[in-house]
Amino acid sequence: MHRRTFIASIALLGLAGCGSALTPQSAPRPVMARSYDLRGMNFAALPDLEVSESERFYPAADIVWRGDPPGPRLPQIEQLFQDAAARNRTVLTGDVPIAIDVTLVRFHGVTNRTRYTVGGVYNIVFDLTIRDATTGAVIEPTRRVVGNLDAPGGERAVRLEDAGQTQKVRVTDFLTGLLRAQLV
């Protein structure tokens, strides 16, 4: 009986060790009481981010986005973040007025070729700083936020699109929740 207990304990320890590999790569949020009133967002991007319009399965680039018509991708991505922040302004109405600084590091969506076949993952990485909206003083220092959203492929992608769940809708909803999770 003791041997079975010992083996089961070793197996559980092994599984517990695997769990750490499944945690998000974002820096841990500071544990603190928050009562934020989101007043604004400043958006920037790291210089020299590479944009790809290639329709390969996985373009080697920092920015891949097909949820808007072809055009300047950074302003399109900024609008996604601005829309997500605006949605949160109606919800985050606490005691401390804040503005957030978002610096885009990576926004890797899926190409049409990937979306209509195997699917993939939207990988969104940005640095977030929380500031006092009145003084500009840093309330929470810059931290890296990594978000991954499943990008269904093939028939499932088509069904979602037909139901109004376009890439733009799904990614904006995802960013809204991702920002909110960092601020509550």
Protein backbone atom coordinates (compact mmCIF):
# COMPACT_ATOMS: atom_id res chain seq x y z
CA MET A 1 0.00 0.00 0.00
CA HIS A 2 2.81 2.40 0.83
CA ARG A 3 4.42 1.75 -2.53
CA ARG A 4 1.22 2.79 -4.36
CA THR A 5 0.96 5.94 -2.26
CA PHE A 6 4.60 6.75 -2.99
CA ILE A 7 4.13 6.24 -6.75
CA ALA A 8 0.94 8.32 -6.76
CA SER A 9 2.74 11.10 -4.87
CA ILE A 10 5.58 11.14 -7.39
CA ALA A 11 3.06 11.27 -10.26
CA LEU A 12 1.22 14.20 -8.65
CA LEU A 13 4.46 16.08 -8.11
CA GLY A 14 5.35 15.52 -11.73
CA LEU A 15 2.00 16.87 -12.88
CA ALA A 16 2.32 19.85 -10.56
CA GLY A 17 5.64 20.67 -12.18
CA CYS A 18 4.01 20.55 -15.63
CA GLY A 19 1.38 23.06 -14.57
CA SER A 20 3.91 25.88 -14.43
CA ALA A 21 4.53 25.46 -18.16
CA LEU A 22 0.86 26.22 -18.82
CA THR A 23 0.77 29.57 -17.03
CA PRO A 24 0.64 32.81 -19.05
CA GLN A 25 3.93 34.47 -19.84
CA SER A 26 2.78 37.86 -18.60
CA ALA A 27 4.60 39.35 -15.68
CA PRO A 28 2.59 38.78 -12.52
CA ARG A 29 0.24 41.62 -11.68
CA PRO A 30 1.05 43.33 -8.43
CA VAL A 31 -1.36 42.24 -5.71
CA MET A 32 -3.08 45.39 -4.53
CA ALA A 33 -6.48 46.88 -3.94
CA ARG A 34 -7.52 48.70 -7.10
CA SER A 35 -10.30 51.15 -7.64
CA TYR A 36 -9.42 52.63 -11.01
CA ASP A 37 -11.37 55.10 -13.12
CA LEU A 38 -9.97 54.65 -16.63
CA ARG A 39 -9.82 58.06 -18.30
CA GLY A 40 -7.58 57.46 -21.28
CA MET A 41 -5.08 55.38 -23.17
CA ASN A 42 -1.87 56.29 -24.96
CA PHE A 43 -0.84 53.89 -27.70
CA ALA A 44 2.61 53.47 -29.20
CA ALA A 45 4.52 50.69 -30.92
CA LEU A 46 8.12 49.63 -30.63
CA PRO A 47 10.10 51.13 -33.47
CA ASP A 48 10.95 48.96 -36.45
CA LEU A 49 8.16 46.41 -36.02
CA GLU A 50 7.94 44.39 -39.21
CA VAL A 51 4.54 44.10 -40.87
CA SER A 52 3.74 41.18 -43.17
CA GLU A 53 1.04 40.95 -45.80
CA SER A 54 2.33 37.54 -46.89
CA GLU A 55 -0.23 34.76 -47.05
CA ARG A 56 2.12 32.07 -45.78
CA PHE A 57 0.95 29.87 -42.91
CA TYR A 58 3.24 31.63 -40.43
CA PRO A 59 4.92 34.80 -41.70
CA ALA A 60 8.11 35.80 -39.87
CA ALA A 61 6.96 39.26 -38.79
CA ASP A 62 5.92 41.23 -35.72
CA ILE A 63 2.58 42.34 -37.11
CA VAL A 64 0.15 40.10 -39.00
CA TRP A 65 -3.45 41.31 -39.19
CA ARG A 66 -6.21 40.46 -41.66
CA GLY A 67 -9.28 41.60 -39.72
CA ASP A 68 -9.44 44.90 -41.62
CA PRO A 69 -9.08 45.65 -45.33
CA PRO A 70 -5.49 46.04 -46.57
CA GLY A 71 -3.97 49.29 -45.39
CA PRO A 72 -1.70 50.70 -42.70
CA ARG A 73 -1.83 48.00 -40.02
CA LEU A 74 -0.57 49.97 -36.99
CA PRO A 75 -3.47 52.46 -37.05
CA GLN A 76 -5.89 49.54 -37.43
CA ILE A 77 -4.38 47.80 -34.41
CA GLU A 78 -4.35 51.04 -32.43
CA GLN A 79 -8.09 51.35 -33.11
CA LEU A 80 -8.66 47.85 -31.69
CA PHE A 81 -6.89 48.90 -28.48
CA GLN A 82 -8.73 52.26 -28.37
CA ASP A 83 -12.08 50.48 -28.75
CA ALA A 84 -11.17 48.01 -25.99
CA ALA A 85 -10.12 50.88 -23.69
CA ALA A 86 -13.35 52.79 -24.46
CA ARG A 87 -15.42 49.76 -23.48
CA ASN A 88 -13.51 49.55 -20.21
CA ARG A 89 -14.00 53.27 -19.48
CA THR A 90 -17.71 52.57 -19.05
CA VAL A 91 -16.97 49.77 -16.55
CA LEU A 92 -13.89 50.95 -14.64
CA THR A 93 -15.31 53.91 -12.72
CA GLY A 94 -13.50 53.65 -9.40
CA ASP A 95 -11.86 56.24 -7.16
CA VAL A 96 -8.43 56.70 -8.78
CA PRO A 97 -8.41 58.37 -12.21
CA ILE A 98 -5.86 56.64 -14.45
CA ALA A 99 -4.50 56.65 -17.94
CA ILE A 100 -2.72 53.66 -19.40
CA ASP A 101 0.25 53.55 -21.72
CA VAL A 102 0.22 50.63 -24.15
CA THR A 103 3.34 49.94 -26.20
CA LEU A 104 2.81 47.27 -28.84
CA VAL A 105 5.55 44.66 -28.99
CA ARG A 106 3.87 42.03 -31.20
CA PHE A 107 0.49 41.54 -32.83
CA HIS A 108 0.56 38.29 -34.72
CA GLY A 109 -2.83 37.28 -36.05
CA VAL A 110 -3.44 34.65 -38.67
CA THR A 111 -3.23 34.95 -42.43
CA ASN A 112 -6.24 34.11 -44.56
CA ARG A 113 -4.43 30.98 -45.71
CA THR A 114 -4.09 29.82 -42.09
CA ARG A 115 -7.56 30.94 -41.06
CA TYR A 116 -9.36 29.07 -43.81
CA THR A 117 -7.40 25.85 -43.26
CA VAL A 118 -5.81 24.84 -39.97
CA GLY A 119 -6.41 27.88 -37.76
CA GLY A 120 -3.92 29.13 -35.21
CA VAL A 121 -3.47 31.63 -32.42
CA TYR A 122 -3.62 35.40 -32.19
CA ASN A 123 -0.49 36.28 -30.19
CA ILE A 124 -0.67 39.81 -28.77
CA VAL A 125 2.18 41.22 -26.68
CA PHE A 126 2.35 44.72 -25.24
CA ASP A 127 3.89 46.67 -22.39
CA LEU A 128 1.44 48.32 -20.00
CA THR A 129 2.09 51.24 -17.64
CA ILE A 130 -0.59 52.67 -15.36
CA ARG A 131 -0.39 56.40 -14.59
CA ASP A 132 -2.31 58.90 -12.53
CA ALA A 133 -4.57 60.63 -15.08
CA THR A 134 -4.10 64.01 -13.42
CA THR A 135 -0.38 64.14 -12.62
CA GLY A 136 1.03 61.55 -15.00
CA ALA A 137 2.88 59.88 -12.12
CA VAL A 138 3.43 56.16 -12.50
CA ILE A 139 1.07 54.17 -10.25
CA GLU A 140 2.11 50.75 -11.54
CA PRO A 141 5.40 50.34 -13.40
CA THR A 142 5.61 48.92 -16.89
CA ARG A 143 4.92 45.21 -17.22
CA ARG A 144 4.75 42.91 -20.21
CA VAL A 145 1.33 41.46 -21.06
CA VAL A 146 1.02 38.41 -23.30
CA GLY A 147 -2.35 37.32 -24.60
CA ASN A 148 -3.15 34.35 -26.80
CA LEU A 149 -6.55 33.90 -28.42
CA ASP A 150 -7.54 30.79 -30.32
CA ALA A 151 -8.05 31.44 -34.02
CA PRO A 152 -10.36 28.73 -35.35
CA GLY A 153 -9.70 27.47 -38.83
CA GLY A 154 -11.58 26.03 -41.75
CA GLU A 155 -15.32 25.49 -41.46
CA ARG A 156 -15.41 26.75 -37.86
CA ALA A 157 -13.87 30.07 -38.93
CA VAL A 158 -16.46 30.43 -41.68
CA ARG A 159 -19.34 29.64 -39.27
CA LEU A 160 -18.06 32.24 -36.78
CA GLU A 161 -17.75 34.84 -39.53
CA ASP A 162 -21.30 34.08 -40.74
CA ALA A 163 -22.55 34.50 -37.16
CA GLY A 164 -20.98 37.97 -36.92
CA GLN A 165 -17.95 36.85 -34.94
CA THR A 166 -15.43 38.38 -37.32
CA GLN A 167 -11.73 38.52 -36.50
CA LYS A 168 -12.16 42.18 -35.55
CA VAL A 169 -15.08 41.43 -33.21
CA ARG A 170 -13.31 38.50 -31.54
CA VAL A 171 -9.99 40.32 -31.09
CA THR A 172 -11.66 43.51 -29.77
CA ASP A 173 -13.64 41.44 -27.26
CA PHE A 174 -10.45 39.63 -26.26
CA LEU A 175 -8.48 42.88 -25.82
CA THR A 176 -11.32 44.35 -23.76
CA GLY A 177 -11.12 41.43 -21.33
CA LEU A 178 -7.33 41.35 -21.35
CA LEU A 179 -7.06 45.04 -20.44
CA ARG A 180 -9.77 44.75 -17.80
CA ALA A 181 -7.98 41.79 -16.19
CA GLN A 182 -4.87 43.95 -15.86
CA LEU A 183 -6.76 46.81 -14.21
CA VAL A 184 -9.03 45.15 -11.65
